[in-house]
Protein backbone atom coordinates (compact mmCIF):
# COMPACT_ATOMS: atom_id res chain seq x y z
CA MET A 1 16.07 13.76 15.84
CA PRO A 2 16.14 10.00 15.29
CA HIS A 3 12.47 9.80 16.24
CA ALA A 4 11.53 12.02 13.33
CA PHE A 5 13.59 9.97 10.92
CA TYR A 6 11.76 6.81 12.20
CA VAL A 7 8.37 8.39 11.63
CA LEU A 8 9.22 9.60 8.18
CA ALA A 9 10.81 6.15 7.24
CA GLY A 10 7.54 4.43 8.39
CA ALA A 11 5.38 6.70 6.47
CA ALA A 12 7.43 6.28 3.26
CA LEU A 13 7.46 2.47 3.75
CA THR A 14 3.75 2.55 4.03
CA VAL A 15 3.25 4.70 0.90
CA LEU A 16 5.69 2.47 -1.03
CA ALA A 17 3.89 -0.72 0.00
CA ALA A 18 0.50 0.64 -0.83
CA LEU A 19 1.71 1.77 -4.27
CA ALA A 20 3.41 -1.58 -4.95
CA LEU A 21 0.34 -3.49 -3.90
CA GLY A 22 -1.76 -1.37 -6.15
CA LEU A 23 0.50 -1.82 -9.15
CA LEU A 24 0.44 -5.62 -8.50
CA LEU A 25 -3.17 -5.58 -8.27
CA PHE A 26 -3.65 -3.80 -11.63
CA ALA A 27 -1.03 -6.02 -13.35
CA ARG A 28 -2.78 -9.17 -12.09
CA LEU A 29 -6.21 -7.97 -13.17
CA GLY A 30 -4.85 -6.91 -16.54
CA PHE A 31 -6.27 -3.32 -16.42
CA ASP A 32 -5.19 -1.28 -19.50
CA LEU A 33 -4.53 2.17 -17.96
CA ARG A 34 -2.33 5.08 -19.08
CA PRO A 35 0.96 5.49 -16.92
CA GLY A 36 -0.44 8.59 -15.17
CA GLU A 37 -3.81 6.88 -14.41
CA ARG A 38 -2.04 3.75 -13.29
CA LEU A 39 0.03 5.56 -10.66
CA LEU A 40 -2.83 7.84 -9.51
CA LEU A 41 -5.18 4.88 -8.96
CA ALA A 42 -2.69 2.32 -7.77
CA PHE A 43 -2.17 4.14 -4.47
CA PRO A 44 -5.71 4.12 -3.19
CA ALA A 45 -6.21 0.70 -4.49
CA GLY A 46 -3.07 -0.59 -2.81
CA ALA A 47 -3.96 1.15 0.40
CA ALA A 48 -7.26 -0.66 0.43
CA CYS A 49 -5.40 -3.96 -0.03
CA LEU A 50 -2.90 -3.03 2.69
CA HIS A 51 -5.64 -2.03 4.98
CA LEU A 52 -7.43 -5.33 4.45
CA ALA A 53 -4.28 -7.22 5.16
CA VAL A 54 -3.68 -5.41 8.42
CA PHE A 55 -7.28 -5.85 9.45
CA LEU A 56 -7.29 -9.55 8.76
CA LEU A 57 -4.03 -9.97 10.84
CA ALA A 58 -5.48 -8.00 13.62
CA ALA A 59 -8.73 -9.92 13.56
CA ALA A 60 -6.67 -13.12 13.71
CA GLY A 61 -4.75 -11.80 16.73
CA LEU A 62 -1.46 -11.78 15.02
CA ALA A 63 -0.95 -7.99 14.82
CA ARG A 64 0.86 -6.29 17.77
């Protein structure tokens, strides 16, 4: 049972991190979007940023 909790917690953390990165990106770039559009587009944009960060860490040999 604890294993399932850890998997779900990791997935939730990843989703929240991607959403937060997307919202930060949109705020930084000054995009003027409606609230529904902002949340809908922030997740894939943040996921791309998170993927890039993980890739750069792995390429530098810092990810384990």
